Amino acid sequence: MQLLAALGWSLMVIVDGRAREARPILEETLQLAERLDEKDFRLRALWGLCIDQLNNGELGRALEFANRFSSAAAGSSDDTDIMLSHRLLAVAPSLSGRPDRCASPYRSSQRIPAWTDREAKNLPLDLRVSTQYFQIRILWLQGLADQAQALIARNIEEGRSNGHALTFCSVLGQGACPIAFLAGDLDAAERYGNELLEHTERHSVRLWRLWARAFNAMVAAKRGNLEQGLHLLREELDRAGDARFLPRFLPLLGELAACFARPTRSIRALK
């Protein structure tokens, strides 16, 4: 059970197209955890399966796993389990464009403890810091653009001081970079994108490095360097393989299609 849980999570974060192998392994982990009545591994497997469904665009199924996680955590004596369930219940609706369903569980998830408890739970991110960039996205979806942009600076500051490489990648890639681009602040988008690229090269975080290069190419294309920007964007997306279908890559694919959506390139846009 322990080995399968470790293998399942490892497969979810590699870039060579094996992420789709994680689901059956996590399902087997869940079956073993339920047979052995191992609460922590049941929650870990449900968490992984929820993220797997989010990554594959199965938002309804992701919400089902989030609800199962919430039910399994309901009787826990560890407040962190309850807060993690609230986080999942906030994230799934935010990705499906329903920010109205996020506010209550998000407020609860803000009480997630700081970094020291992340290590005790063996989780891949500092959940308190990473929860903030979901708040940024929720505020943006609710039309509260000024509040979303104001929170970015605080989130980046906490992400830097946190000292965890993957957490800071997510702070920049999930929050600061896309919101700056959507707001039309290309100077900030370029600055955040370059910082993310430098960070990923320093810490060898390959998937986020591919994303940062693709994002920077998208910004270059938006600035007017269309031919080179589109060439680099498509090249980086191709290099990402199946990972380019993760939610974080979809805005990049959409922008690539939008740039191609011209009379001479409409066929390429549809591809």
Protein backbone atom coordinates (compact mmCIF):
# COMPACT_ATOMS: atom_id res chain seq x y z
CA MET A 1 0.00 0.00 0.00
CA GLN A 2 2.77 2.42 0.93
CA LEU A 3 4.79 1.62 -2.18
CA LEU A 4 1.77 1.95 -4.46
CA ALA A 5 0.88 5.32 -2.93
CA ALA A 6 4.42 6.59 -3.52
CA LEU A 7 4.46 5.22 -7.08
CA GLY A 8 1.07 6.73 -7.91
CA TRP A 9 2.03 10.21 -6.78
CA SER A 10 5.42 9.95 -8.54
CA LEU A 11 3.76 9.07 -11.84
CA MET A 12 1.46 12.08 -11.54
CA VAL A 13 4.33 14.58 -11.57
CA ILE A 14 6.66 13.21 -14.27
CA VAL A 15 6.65 14.56 -17.83
CA ASP A 16 7.21 11.52 -20.02
CA GLY A 17 3.54 10.75 -20.56
CA ARG A 18 3.15 8.18 -17.77
CA ALA A 19 0.81 10.28 -15.61
CA ARG A 20 -2.16 8.34 -16.98
CA GLU A 21 -0.74 5.23 -15.34
CA ALA A 22 -1.27 6.76 -11.90
CA ARG A 23 -5.04 6.26 -11.69
CA PRO A 24 -5.19 2.42 -11.51
CA ILE A 25 -2.32 2.45 -9.02
CA LEU A 26 -4.08 4.98 -6.78
CA GLU A 27 -7.31 2.99 -7.11
CA GLU A 28 -5.48 -0.12 -5.89
CA THR A 29 -3.96 1.94 -3.06
CA LEU A 30 -7.47 2.99 -2.05
CA GLN A 31 -8.74 -0.61 -2.12
CA LEU A 32 -5.87 -1.76 0.11
CA ALA A 33 -6.33 1.17 2.48
CA GLU A 34 -10.02 0.40 2.86
CA ARG A 35 -9.34 -3.31 3.39
CA LEU A 36 -6.71 -2.51 6.05
CA ASP A 37 -8.76 0.38 7.49
CA GLU A 38 -5.79 2.76 7.04
CA LYS A 39 -7.29 6.23 7.29
CA ASP A 40 -4.23 8.25 6.22
CA PHE A 41 -3.65 6.19 3.08
CA ARG A 42 -7.36 6.22 2.24
CA LEU A 43 -7.23 10.01 2.33
CA ARG A 44 -3.98 10.11 0.39
CA ALA A 45 -5.42 7.90 -2.36
CA LEU A 46 -8.66 9.91 -2.54
CA TRP A 47 -6.65 13.13 -2.75
CA GLY A 48 -4.55 11.72 -5.59
CA LEU A 49 -7.61 10.46 -7.48
CA CYS A 50 -9.31 13.83 -7.16
CA ILE A 51 -6.23 15.60 -8.56
CA ASP A 52 -6.00 12.99 -11.33
CA GLN A 53 -9.57 13.71 -12.40
CA LEU A 54 -8.96 17.47 -12.30
CA ASN A 55 -5.86 17.01 -14.44
CA ASN A 56 -7.87 15.05 -17.00
CA GLY A 57 -10.77 17.51 -17.14
CA GLU A 58 -13.20 15.18 -15.41
CA LEU A 59 -14.50 17.86 -13.07
CA GLY A 60 -17.66 16.01 -12.06
CA ARG A 61 -15.68 12.94 -11.04
CA ALA A 62 -13.15 15.16 -9.26
CA LEU A 63 -15.94 16.64 -7.17
CA GLU A 64 -17.15 13.12 -6.33
CA PHE A 65 -13.69 12.24 -4.98
CA ALA A 66 -13.56 15.57 -3.12
CA ASN A 67 -16.86 14.69 -1.45
CA ARG A 68 -15.59 11.20 -0.61
CA PHE A 69 -12.45 12.75 0.89
CA SER A 70 -14.66 15.09 2.92
CA SER A 71 -16.78 12.20 4.21
CA ALA A 72 -13.69 10.13 5.09
CA ALA A 73 -12.11 13.09 6.90
CA ALA A 74 -15.28 14.09 8.77
CA GLY A 75 -14.54 12.05 11.87
CA SER A 76 -10.83 12.83 11.93
CA SER A 77 -9.23 14.18 15.08
CA ASP A 78 -6.70 16.00 12.87
CA ASP A 79 -8.01 19.43 11.88
CA THR A 80 -5.69 19.41 8.87
CA ASP A 81 -7.73 16.61 7.28
CA ILE A 82 -10.90 18.71 7.56
CA MET A 83 -9.17 21.75 6.08
CA LEU A 84 -7.79 19.68 3.21
CA SER A 85 -11.30 18.52 2.39
CA HIS A 86 -12.45 22.15 2.31
CA ARG A 87 -9.60 22.96 -0.04
CA LEU A 88 -10.63 20.23 -2.48
CA LEU A 89 -14.25 21.35 -2.30
CA ALA A 90 -13.12 24.88 -3.20
CA VAL A 91 -10.72 23.95 -6.01
CA ALA A 92 -13.01 21.70 -8.09
CA PRO A 93 -15.78 24.30 -8.60
CA SER A 94 -13.23 27.05 -9.30
CA LEU A 95 -11.81 25.05 -12.20
CA SER A 96 -15.30 24.43 -13.57
CA GLY A 97 -16.10 28.14 -13.61
CA ARG A 98 -18.39 28.10 -10.55
CA PRO A 99 -16.71 30.52 -8.11
CA ASP A 100 -20.05 30.98 -6.33
CA ARG A 101 -19.60 27.49 -4.89
CA CYS A 102 -16.05 28.13 -3.65
CA ALA A 103 -16.34 30.87 -1.05
CA SER A 104 -17.47 28.89 2.00
CA PRO A 105 -15.05 25.93 1.67
CA TYR A 106 -12.26 28.34 0.70
CA ARG A 107 -12.66 30.37 3.90
CA SER A 108 -12.32 27.15 5.89
CA SER A 109 -9.25 26.05 3.91
CA GLN A 110 -7.47 29.30 4.84
CA ARG A 111 -6.97 27.87 8.32
CA ILE A 112 -4.60 25.21 6.95
CA PRO A 113 -1.51 25.12 9.20
CA ALA A 114 1.88 26.32 8.07
CA TRP A 115 4.72 24.40 6.47
CA THR A 116 5.79 22.22 9.40
CA ASP A 117 2.55 20.24 9.28
CA ARG A 118 2.90 19.66 5.53
CA GLU A 119 5.90 17.46 6.23
CA ALA A 120 3.95 15.47 8.81
CA LYS A 121 1.23 14.78 6.23
CA ASN A 122 3.76 14.00 3.49
CA LEU A 123 2.06 16.36 1.03
CA PRO A 124 3.74 17.80 -2.07
CA LEU A 125 3.07 21.52 -1.44
CA ASP A 126 2.78 24.03 1.36
CA LEU A 127 -0.99 24.02 1.33
CA ARG A 128 -1.43 27.30 3.16
CA VAL A 129 0.66 29.22 0.61
CA SER A 130 -0.79 27.35 -2.36
CA THR A 131 -4.35 27.97 -1.16
CA GLN A 132 -3.74 31.70 -1.64
CA TYR A 133 -3.23 31.41 -5.39
CA PHE A 134 -6.54 29.61 -5.63
CA GLN A 135 -8.07 32.55 -3.81
CA ILE A 136 -6.51 34.81 -6.46
CA ARG A 137 -8.16 32.77 -9.21
CA ILE A 138 -11.50 32.71 -7.42
CA LEU A 139 -11.42 36.50 -6.96
CA TRP A 140 -10.64 36.89 -10.66
CA LEU A 141 -13.53 34.65 -11.66
CA GLN A 142 -15.83 36.66 -9.40
CA GLY A 143 -14.84 39.84 -11.25
CA LEU A 144 -12.79 41.21 -8.34
CA ALA A 145 -9.71 41.91 -10.48
CA ASP A 146 -8.17 44.57 -8.21
CA GLN A 147 -8.35 42.30 -5.17
CA ALA A 148 -6.88 39.40 -7.14
CA GLN A 149 -3.94 41.46 -8.36
CA ALA A 150 -3.34 42.95 -4.91
CA LEU A 151 -3.06 39.47 -3.39
CA ILE A 152 -0.45 38.36 -5.93
CA ALA A 153 2.38 40.36 -4.31
CA ARG A 154 1.69 38.87 -0.86
CA ASN A 155 1.45 35.36 -2.28
CA ILE A 156 4.79 35.75 -4.08
CA GLU A 157 6.46 37.11 -0.94
CA GLU A 158 5.23 34.18 1.15
CA GLY A 159 6.18 31.74 -1.60
CA ARG A 160 9.74 33.07 -1.68
CA SER A 161 10.16 32.97 2.09
CA ASN A 162 8.70 29.45 2.19
CA GLY A 163 11.81 28.01 0.52
CA HIS A 164 10.03 25.09 -1.16
CA ALA A 165 10.80 24.90 -4.87
CA LEU A 166 7.58 23.28 -6.10
CA THR A 167 5.36 25.53 -4.01
CA PHE A 168 6.94 28.66 -5.50
CA CYS A 169 6.55 27.25 -9.01
CA SER A 170 2.83 26.95 -8.37
CA VAL A 171 2.60 30.41 -6.83
CA LEU A 172 3.98 31.93 -10.04
CA GLY A 173 2.51 29.49 -12.56
CA GLN A 174 -0.96 29.01 -11.09
CA GLY A 175 -1.52 32.57 -9.89
CA ALA A 176 0.79 35.42 -10.80
CA CYS A 177 1.60 34.58 -14.43
CA PRO A 178 -1.88 33.78 -15.79
CA ILE A 179 -3.66 36.58 -13.90
CA ALA A 180 -1.13 39.18 -15.09
CA PHE A 181 -1.60 37.96 -18.66
CA LEU A 182 -5.40 37.98 -18.43
CA ALA A 183 -5.28 41.48 -16.95
CA GLY A 184 -3.27 42.67 -19.96
CA ASP A 185 -0.27 43.60 -17.80
CA LEU A 186 2.33 42.14 -20.13
CA ASP A 187 5.24 43.75 -18.27
CA ALA A 188 4.25 41.91 -15.09
CA ALA A 189 3.52 38.72 -17.05
CA GLU A 190 6.98 38.83 -18.60
CA ARG A 191 8.60 39.54 -15.23
CA TYR A 192 6.81 36.68 -13.47
CA GLY A 193 7.43 34.32 -16.38
CA ASN A 194 11.16 35.04 -16.37
CA GLU A 195 11.32 34.58 -12.61
CA LEU A 196 9.57 31.24 -12.91
CA LEU A 197 11.93 30.10 -15.66
CA GLU A 198 15.00 31.06 -13.60
CA HIS A 199 13.56 29.31 -10.57
CA THR A 200 12.83 26.09 -12.47
CA GLU A 201 16.30 26.03 -14.00
CA ARG A 202 17.87 26.54 -10.58
CA HIS A 203 15.84 23.73 -9.00
CA SER A 204 15.44 21.40 -12.02
CA VAL A 205 11.64 21.36 -12.00
CA ARG A 206 11.17 20.16 -15.58
CA LEU A 207 7.41 20.33 -16.06
CA TRP A 208 7.17 23.89 -14.78
CA ARG A 209 10.25 24.81 -16.84
CA LEU A 210 8.42 23.69 -19.99
CA TRP A 211 5.36 25.65 -18.90
CA ALA A 212 7.43 28.78 -18.20
CA ARG A 213 9.05 28.66 -21.65
CA ALA A 214 5.66 28.21 -23.31
CA PHE A 215 4.17 31.04 -21.26
CA ASN A 216 7.04 33.39 -22.12
CA ALA A 217 6.59 32.54 -25.80
CA MET A 218 2.88 33.36 -25.49
CA VAL A 219 3.71 36.73 -23.94
CA ALA A 220 6.20 37.45 -26.74
CA ALA A 221 3.54 36.64 -29.35
CA LYS A 222 1.06 38.91 -27.57
CA ARG A 223 3.62 41.72 -27.58
CA GLY A 224 3.78 41.54 -31.38
CA ASN A 225 6.63 39.11 -31.99
CA LEU A 226 4.03 36.78 -33.50
CA GLU A 227 6.02 34.44 -35.74
CA GLN A 228 8.81 33.67 -33.30
CA GLY A 229 6.46 33.59 -30.31
CA LEU A 230 4.08 31.11 -31.96
CA HIS A 231 6.95 28.93 -33.14
CA LEU A 232 8.42 28.72 -29.64
CA LEU A 233 5.02 28.24 -28.02
CA ARG A 234 4.15 25.31 -30.27
CA GLU A 235 7.61 23.83 -29.84
CA GLU A 236 7.38 23.88 -26.04
CA LEU A 237 3.85 22.48 -26.03
CA ASP A 238 4.97 19.63 -28.28
CA ARG A 239 7.90 18.99 -25.98
CA ALA A 240 5.51 18.69 -23.01
CA GLY A 241 3.83 15.64 -24.58
CA ASP A 242 0.63 14.52 -22.85
CA ALA A 243 1.33 16.99 -20.04
CA ARG A 244 0.15 19.78 -22.36
CA PHE A 245 -3.41 18.64 -21.64
CA LEU A 246 -3.09 19.43 -17.93
CA PRO A 247 -5.33 22.34 -16.86
CA ARG A 248 -2.37 24.68 -16.43
CA PHE A 249 -1.44 24.24 -20.12
CA LEU A 250 -4.93 24.71 -21.56
CA PRO A 251 -4.84 28.55 -21.62
CA LEU A 252 -1.59 28.30 -23.58
CA LEU A 253 -3.20 25.94 -26.09
CA GLY A 254 -6.18 28.28 -26.32
CA GLU A 255 -3.99 31.28 -27.02
CA LEU A 256 -2.09 29.30 -29.67
CA ALA A 257 -5.39 28.47 -31.38
CA ALA A 258 -6.55 32.10 -31.10
CA CYS A 259 -3.36 33.36 -32.75
CA PHE A 260 -3.81 30.85 -35.56
CA ALA A 261 -7.48 31.76 -36.01
CA ARG A 262 -6.91 33.91 -39.07
CA PRO A 263 -8.00 33.34 -42.66
CA THR A 264 -4.65 31.89 -43.67
CA ARG A 265 -4.26 29.75 -40.54
CA SER A 266 -7.76 28.70 -39.57
CA ILE A 267 -7.14 25.02 -40.36
CA ARG A 268 -4.14 24.98 -38.01
CA ALA A 269 -6.20 26.68 -35.31
CA LEU A 270 -8.79 23.88 -35.42
CA LYS A 271 -6.07 21.29 -34.87
